Amino acid sequence: MAQAAEKTRRGKQTNSAMSQEALQTAYGDMLLIRRFEEKAGQLYGMGLIGGFCHLYIGQEAVVVGMQGALKDGDEVITSYRDHGHMLATGMEPRGVMAELTGRSGGYSKGKGGSMHMFSREKNFFGGHGIVGAQVSLGTGLAFSNWYRENDKVSVTYFGDGAANQGQVFESFNLAALMQLPCIFVIENNKYGMGTNVERATASHDLSKNGVPWGIPGLQVDGMDVVAVREAAEAAVAHCSAGKGPYLLEMKTYRYRGHSMSDPGKYRTREEIQKMRSERDCIEAARQRLIELGVDEEALKQIDTDIKARINEAAEFAQASPEPAESELWTDVLVEG
């Protein structure tokens, strides 16, 4: 992928503060997530991934744009739709795929599966299966940074389905009261499981959900990685300046069902196809790069290289052994 990048002109600016080089990196990162999730869907269909499996296809611009604004040491926590977040933080596809297939080579030694894996090295504090539970945990991460008086921020992702949970508002209150450096990111993909967000919440602008606590918010086009990156930079600057939490509502869309077991009969094929053909975040980035003069063959090479990397990850996962029975007793208790 790096060789392909060298074939293009570098440093040229897009129509924002995001450089051509940064946009091309974001394009590759989004494509990595897309190809990974497509392969995960295939392995699930083959019976190699068990339990629940929630794919991130369509939403890639959100986490890639956010991650581009963070620095080393900043922390990330999210829900069960977490594969994309793992990859965006720099976790290796082979380790993530091995975890999905329940193998010992996975990040949680095959014991966490799709919904629960972690990487302290990459400051990724997990996907969480309880709706909204990660929001209070993410606030706790921000509290630890405030207490230590460091310059880190924590980014807490949750969906529109979790946006009205009581613990979310309790977290808003504490974060605002103590001016904690926490960025709350609502990934509004329009459907909480199978319920349209308009049927589940009286608010038509979730970025204003923090208003009662004085938390500034911004509604963002989550299908545009450049717009996400700009909003993320504003949020990071706000938190880093000691001004407290910030709320971002990312208007995005998932192409697949809520999970692999969801047939998605609550929406039409026409609706999905319209989003794919008119609003796809990866295709939009590709078109911008071409307009900037990037060679189409270079972009094709990026895709080829990524596909090879994902195939290798799948092979690694399938070749890795299952966890030993003795692993049932490890990682259960941390002794101080």
Protein backbone atom coordinates (compact mmCIF):
# COMPACT_ATOMS: atom_id res chain seq x y z
CA MET A 1 0.00 0.00 0.00
CA ALA A 2 2.90 2.34 0.77
CA GLN A 3 4.40 1.68 -2.67
CA ALA A 4 1.10 2.58 -4.30
CA ALA A 5 0.97 5.79 -2.30
CA GLU A 6 4.39 6.82 -3.62
CA LYS A 7 3.05 6.74 -7.18
CA THR A 8 0.79 9.73 -6.47
CA ARG A 9 1.47 13.40 -5.97
CA ARG A 10 1.74 14.17 -2.26
CA GLY A 11 0.94 17.13 -0.03
CA LYS A 12 -1.71 18.67 -2.30
CA GLN A 13 -4.67 20.06 -0.35
CA THR A 14 -8.27 18.92 -0.60
CA ASN A 15 -11.09 21.46 -0.32
CA SER A 16 -10.45 21.52 3.45
CA ALA A 17 -7.54 21.45 5.84
CA MET A 18 -7.13 17.72 5.12
CA SER A 19 -4.17 17.12 2.83
CA GLN A 20 -4.17 14.76 -0.11
CA GLU A 21 -1.82 12.49 1.80
CA ALA A 22 -4.15 12.37 4.81
CA LEU A 23 -7.14 11.70 2.57
CA GLN A 24 -5.34 8.88 0.82
CA THR A 25 -4.41 7.35 4.17
CA ALA A 26 -8.04 7.64 5.27
CA TYR A 27 -9.16 6.02 2.03
CA GLY A 28 -6.90 3.04 2.69
CA ASP A 29 -8.05 2.78 6.31
CA MET A 30 -11.74 2.81 5.32
CA LEU A 31 -11.11 0.25 2.62
CA LEU A 32 -9.30 -1.99 5.11
CA ILE A 33 -12.35 -1.96 7.37
CA ARG A 34 -14.72 -2.59 4.45
CA ARG A 35 -12.77 -5.57 3.12
CA PHE A 36 -12.28 -6.97 6.63
CA GLU A 37 -16.01 -6.83 7.35
CA GLU A 38 -16.87 -8.42 4.01
CA LYS A 39 -14.53 -11.30 4.82
CA ALA A 40 -15.97 -11.57 8.33
CA GLY A 41 -19.43 -11.89 6.79
CA GLN A 42 -18.15 -14.72 4.58
CA LEU A 43 -16.58 -16.57 7.50
CA TYR A 44 -19.77 -16.18 9.50
CA GLY A 45 -21.73 -17.71 6.64
CA MET A 46 -19.28 -20.63 6.64
CA GLY A 47 -19.91 -21.23 10.33
CA LEU A 48 -16.39 -20.18 11.35
CA ILE A 49 -17.64 -17.24 13.44
CA GLY A 50 -20.21 -18.05 16.10
CA GLY A 51 -22.57 -16.00 18.22
CA PHE A 52 -23.43 -12.43 17.30
CA CYS A 53 -21.54 -10.52 14.63
CA HIS A 54 -22.31 -6.85 13.94
CA LEU A 55 -20.69 -5.47 10.78
CA TYR A 56 -19.59 -1.87 10.30
CA ILE A 57 -20.03 -1.72 6.51
CA GLY A 58 -21.15 1.77 5.48
CA GLN A 59 -19.99 3.59 8.63
CA GLU A 60 -16.24 3.52 8.01
CA ALA A 61 -15.81 7.30 7.65
CA VAL A 62 -16.85 7.90 11.26
CA VAL A 63 -14.12 6.03 13.07
CA VAL A 64 -11.43 6.74 10.46
CA GLY A 65 -12.15 10.48 10.51
CA MET A 66 -12.19 10.54 14.30
CA GLN A 67 -9.01 8.53 14.67
CA GLY A 68 -7.17 10.86 12.33
CA ALA A 69 -7.58 13.69 14.83
CA LEU A 70 -6.36 11.75 17.87
CA LYS A 71 -2.82 11.48 19.20
CA ASP A 72 -0.94 8.56 20.70
CA GLY A 73 -2.32 7.78 24.13
CA ASP A 74 -5.88 8.97 23.52
CA GLU A 75 -8.39 6.28 24.44
CA VAL A 76 -11.27 4.67 22.55
CA ILE A 77 -14.23 2.66 23.79
CA THR A 78 -17.28 1.55 21.85
CA SER A 79 -20.24 -0.81 21.59
CA TYR A 80 -20.52 -4.30 20.11
CA ARG A 81 -20.22 -2.99 16.52
CA ASP A 82 -16.53 -2.72 17.12
CA HIS A 83 -14.38 -4.34 14.41
CA GLY A 84 -13.90 -1.07 12.54
CA HIS A 85 -12.82 0.75 15.69
CA MET A 86 -10.23 -1.91 16.43
CA LEU A 87 -8.68 -1.68 13.00
CA ALA A 88 -8.75 2.14 13.04
CA THR A 89 -6.75 2.19 16.28
CA GLY A 90 -4.06 0.10 14.62
CA MET A 91 -4.95 -3.36 15.87
CA GLU A 92 -3.79 -6.02 13.39
CA PRO A 93 -6.45 -7.65 11.15
CA ARG A 94 -5.05 -11.13 11.85
CA GLY A 95 -5.46 -10.68 15.62
CA VAL A 96 -8.97 -9.29 15.26
CA MET A 97 -10.03 -12.04 12.84
CA ALA A 98 -8.56 -14.73 15.07
CA GLU A 99 -10.62 -13.35 17.94
CA LEU A 100 -13.78 -13.39 15.84
CA THR A 101 -13.21 -17.08 15.12
CA GLY A 102 -12.52 -17.85 18.77
CA ARG A 103 -8.86 -18.75 18.34
CA SER A 104 -5.95 -18.37 20.74
CA GLY A 105 -4.20 -15.98 18.35
CA GLY A 106 -6.91 -13.40 18.94
CA TYR A 107 -6.55 -10.22 20.98
CA SER A 108 -8.55 -11.70 23.85
CA LYS A 109 -7.15 -15.21 23.36
CA GLY A 110 -10.33 -16.32 21.64
CA LYS A 111 -12.49 -15.68 24.72
CA GLY A 112 -14.08 -12.37 23.74
CA GLY A 113 -15.30 -13.03 20.23
CA SER A 114 -16.87 -10.37 18.03
CA MET A 115 -18.36 -8.25 20.78
CA HIS A 116 -15.67 -8.15 23.47
CA MET A 117 -12.01 -7.64 22.75
CA PHE A 118 -9.44 -5.19 24.02
CA SER A 119 -5.96 -3.85 23.39
CA ARG A 120 -4.22 -1.91 26.14
CA GLU A 121 -1.31 -1.36 23.74
CA LYS A 122 -3.55 0.51 21.31
CA ASN A 123 -5.63 2.16 24.08
CA PHE A 124 -8.74 0.38 22.83
CA PHE A 125 -10.88 -0.39 25.86
CA GLY A 126 -13.31 -2.71 24.22
CA GLY A 127 -16.50 -3.39 22.51
CA HIS A 128 -19.34 -3.81 25.01
CA GLY A 129 -22.48 -5.88 24.63
CA ILE A 130 -24.76 -4.01 27.02
CA VAL A 131 -26.44 -1.12 25.23
CA GLY A 132 -25.01 2.17 26.49
CA ALA A 133 -22.77 0.58 29.14
CA GLN A 134 -19.58 1.79 27.46
CA VAL A 135 -20.63 5.44 27.89
CA SER A 136 -20.19 5.42 31.66
CA LEU A 137 -16.93 3.49 31.24
CA GLY A 138 -15.68 6.02 28.71
CA THR A 139 -16.54 8.78 31.16
CA GLY A 140 -14.45 6.90 33.71
CA LEU A 141 -11.51 6.89 31.31
CA ALA A 142 -11.88 10.65 30.96
CA PHE A 143 -12.01 10.96 34.75
CA SER A 144 -8.72 9.06 35.06
CA ASN A 145 -7.10 11.46 32.60
CA TRP A 146 -8.47 14.45 34.50
CA TYR A 147 -7.24 12.99 37.79
CA ARG A 148 -3.76 12.34 36.41
CA GLU A 149 -3.68 15.82 34.87
CA ASN A 150 -2.41 14.50 31.54
CA ASP A 151 -3.42 15.80 28.12
CA LYS A 152 -5.26 12.69 26.91
CA VAL A 153 -8.85 12.62 25.71
CA SER A 154 -11.20 9.65 25.62
CA VAL A 155 -13.57 8.99 22.73
CA THR A 156 -16.77 7.15 23.59
CA TYR A 157 -18.85 5.79 20.72
CA PHE A 158 -22.49 4.72 20.98
CA GLY A 159 -25.44 4.42 18.64
CA ASP A 160 -28.74 6.19 18.25
CA GLY A 161 -30.37 3.20 19.94
CA ALA A 162 -28.38 3.92 23.10
CA ALA A 163 -28.72 7.70 22.95
CA ASN A 164 -31.69 7.83 25.34
CA GLN A 165 -30.36 5.39 27.94
CA GLY A 166 -30.39 6.72 31.49
CA GLN A 167 -26.72 5.95 32.08
CA VAL A 168 -25.85 8.07 29.04
CA PHE A 169 -27.45 11.14 30.61
CA GLU A 170 -25.88 10.36 33.97
CA SER A 171 -22.51 10.29 32.19
CA PHE A 172 -23.26 13.63 30.52
CA ASN A 173 -23.99 15.14 33.91
CA LEU A 174 -20.79 13.90 35.54
CA ALA A 175 -18.62 14.80 32.54
CA ALA A 176 -20.02 18.34 32.43
CA LEU A 177 -19.92 18.79 36.20
CA MET A 178 -16.23 17.88 36.38
CA GLN A 179 -15.29 19.26 32.95
CA LEU A 180 -13.89 15.90 31.85
CA PRO A 181 -12.00 15.56 28.54
CA CYS A 182 -14.48 13.17 26.92
CA ILE A 183 -15.75 13.21 23.34
CA PHE A 184 -19.14 11.52 23.07
CA VAL A 185 -19.81 10.24 19.54
CA ILE A 186 -23.31 9.16 18.56
CA GLU A 187 -23.13 6.98 15.46
CA ASN A 188 -26.64 7.61 14.20
CA ASN A 189 -27.05 4.96 11.51
CA LYS A 190 -30.80 5.60 11.48
CA TYR A 191 -31.86 2.26 12.97
CA GLY A 192 -31.65 1.01 16.55
CA MET A 193 -31.77 -2.70 15.76
CA GLY A 194 -34.84 -2.51 13.48
CA THR A 195 -36.51 0.64 14.77
CA ASN A 196 -36.15 3.87 12.83
CA VAL A 197 -34.67 6.58 15.04
CA GLU A 198 -37.61 8.87 14.27
CA ARG A 199 -39.94 6.38 15.97
CA ALA A 200 -37.71 6.05 19.03
CA THR A 201 -36.73 9.60 19.95
CA ALA A 202 -38.54 12.93 20.01
CA SER A 203 -35.31 14.75 19.19
CA HIS A 204 -34.44 15.24 15.53
CA ASP A 205 -30.97 16.54 16.36
CA LEU A 206 -29.16 14.24 18.77
CA SER A 207 -26.20 16.61 18.88
CA LYS A 208 -28.33 18.77 21.18
CA ASN A 209 -28.82 16.01 23.74
CA GLY A 210 -26.11 17.53 25.92
CA VAL A 211 -27.64 21.00 26.02
CA PRO A 212 -29.20 20.63 29.51
CA TRP A 213 -25.69 20.10 30.89
CA GLY A 214 -24.08 22.79 28.76
CA ILE A 215 -22.25 20.30 26.54
CA PRO A 216 -21.62 21.77 23.08
CA GLY A 217 -22.59 19.53 20.19
CA LEU A 218 -22.29 19.29 16.45
CA GLN A 219 -24.25 17.33 13.84
CA VAL A 220 -21.88 15.93 11.21
CA ASP A 221 -22.17 14.23 7.83
CA GLY A 222 -20.82 10.86 8.91
CA MET A 223 -20.56 9.66 5.31
CA ASP A 224 -17.88 12.29 4.58
CA VAL A 225 -14.50 11.46 6.11
CA VAL A 226 -13.24 15.01 5.61
CA ALA A 227 -16.23 16.49 7.47
CA VAL A 228 -15.73 13.97 10.28
CA ARG A 229 -12.03 14.79 10.55
CA GLU A 230 -12.73 18.53 10.81
CA ALA A 231 -15.40 17.98 13.48
CA ALA A 232 -13.08 15.65 15.38
CA GLU A 233 -10.30 18.23 15.41
CA ALA A 234 -12.69 20.83 16.83
CA ALA A 235 -13.83 18.41 19.55
CA VAL A 236 -10.27 17.42 20.46
CA ALA A 237 -9.20 21.07 20.67
CA HIS A 238 -12.16 21.81 22.96
CA CYS A 239 -11.37 18.94 25.34
CA SER A 240 -7.62 19.54 25.29
CA ALA A 241 -8.19 23.15 26.29
CA GLY A 242 -9.85 22.00 29.53
CA LYS A 243 -13.33 23.08 28.46
CA GLY A 244 -15.00 19.79 29.29
CA PRO A 245 -16.88 17.24 27.15
CA TYR A 246 -18.04 17.58 23.55
CA LEU A 247 -20.83 15.75 21.71
CA LEU A 248 -20.77 14.77 18.04
CA GLU A 249 -23.72 13.23 16.21
CA MET A 250 -22.49 11.39 13.12
CA LYS A 251 -25.26 10.96 10.56
CA THR A 252 -24.24 7.67 9.01
CA TYR A 253 -25.76 4.47 7.61
CA ARG A 254 -25.15 0.74 7.84
CA TYR A 255 -25.70 -1.34 4.72
CA ARG A 256 -26.11 -4.69 6.45
CA GLY A 257 -28.58 -5.77 9.10
CA HIS A 258 -28.21 -4.96 12.78
CA SER A 259 -26.30 -8.22 13.08
CA MET A 260 -25.66 -11.12 10.73
CA SER A 261 -28.91 -12.75 11.91
CA ASP A 262 -30.99 -9.71 10.95
CA PRO A 263 -32.78 -9.99 7.55
CA GLY A 264 -33.44 -6.23 7.59
CA LYS A 265 -37.06 -6.38 6.43
CA TYR A 266 -37.82 -3.04 8.11
CA ARG A 267 -36.30 -1.11 5.18
CA THR A 268 -36.38 -1.42 1.41
CA ARG A 269 -33.62 -2.55 -0.90
CA GLU A 270 -34.12 0.71 -2.78
CA GLU A 271 -33.24 2.71 0.35
CA ILE A 272 -30.01 0.78 0.85
CA GLN A 273 -29.04 0.95 -2.81
CA LYS A 274 -29.65 4.69 -2.91
CA MET A 275 -27.22 5.19 -0.03
CA ARG A 276 -24.65 2.88 -1.62
CA SER A 277 -24.80 4.58 -5.00
CA GLU A 278 -25.08 8.20 -3.87
CA ARG A 279 -23.51 8.48 -0.42
CA ASP A 280 -20.86 5.78 0.01
CA CYS A 281 -17.97 7.19 2.05
CA ILE A 282 -15.25 5.17 0.32
CA GLU A 283 -16.40 5.97 -3.19
CA ALA A 284 -16.65 9.66 -2.28
CA ALA A 285 -13.05 9.65 -1.03
CA ARG A 286 -11.91 7.80 -4.15
CA GLN A 287 -13.54 10.39 -6.41
CA ARG A 288 -11.93 13.24 -4.46
CA LEU A 289 -8.51 11.65 -4.84
CA ILE A 290 -8.98 11.19 -8.56
CA GLU A 291 -9.99 14.85 -8.87
CA LEU A 292 -6.77 15.73 -7.05
CA GLY A 293 -4.80 13.86 -9.67
CA VAL A 294 -4.22 10.52 -7.96
CA ASP A 295 -3.70 7.72 -10.46
CA GLU A 296 -6.64 5.28 -10.53
CA GLU A 297 -4.20 2.39 -10.89
CA ALA A 298 -2.59 3.42 -7.61
CA LEU A 299 -5.98 3.27 -5.90
CA LYS A 300 -6.65 -0.15 -7.41
CA GLN A 301 -3.29 -1.32 -6.08
CA ILE A 302 -4.25 -0.18 -2.59
CA ASP A 303 -7.37 -2.35 -2.82
CA THR A 304 -5.35 -5.31 -4.13
CA ASP A 305 -2.84 -5.02 -1.30
CA ILE A 306 -5.60 -4.76 1.31
CA LYS A 307 -7.44 -7.81 -0.04
CA ALA A 308 -4.22 -9.82 0.21
CA ARG A 309 -3.74 -8.63 3.79
CA ILE A 310 -7.30 -9.62 4.73
CA ASN A 311 -6.96 -13.03 3.09
CA GLU A 312 -3.79 -13.59 5.09
CA ALA A 313 -5.66 -12.60 8.26
CA ALA A 314 -8.40 -15.11 7.51
CA GLU A 315 -5.85 -17.85 6.88
CA PHE A 316 -4.04 -17.00 10.12
CA ALA A 317 -7.31 -17.14 12.05
CA GLN A 318 -8.30 -20.51 10.67
CA ALA A 319 -4.83 -21.95 11.30
CA SER A 320 -4.67 -20.73 14.91
CA PRO A 321 -5.59 -23.30 17.57
CA GLU A 322 -8.58 -22.94 19.84
CA PRO A 323 -7.85 -21.78 23.41
CA ALA A 324 -6.75 -24.43 25.88
CA GLU A 325 -9.30 -25.37 28.53
CA SER A 326 -6.99 -23.88 31.14
CA GLU A 327 -7.71 -20.43 29.66
CA LEU A 328 -11.10 -20.58 31.38
CA TRP A 329 -9.29 -19.61 34.59
CA THR A 330 -7.08 -16.83 33.24
CA ASP A 331 -7.83 -13.10 32.96
CA VAL A 332 -10.65 -13.45 35.50
CA LEU A 333 -9.17 -11.49 38.40
CA VAL A 334 -6.61 -8.72 38.55
CA GLU A 335 -4.66 -8.69 41.79
CA GLY A 336 -3.46 -5.28 43.00
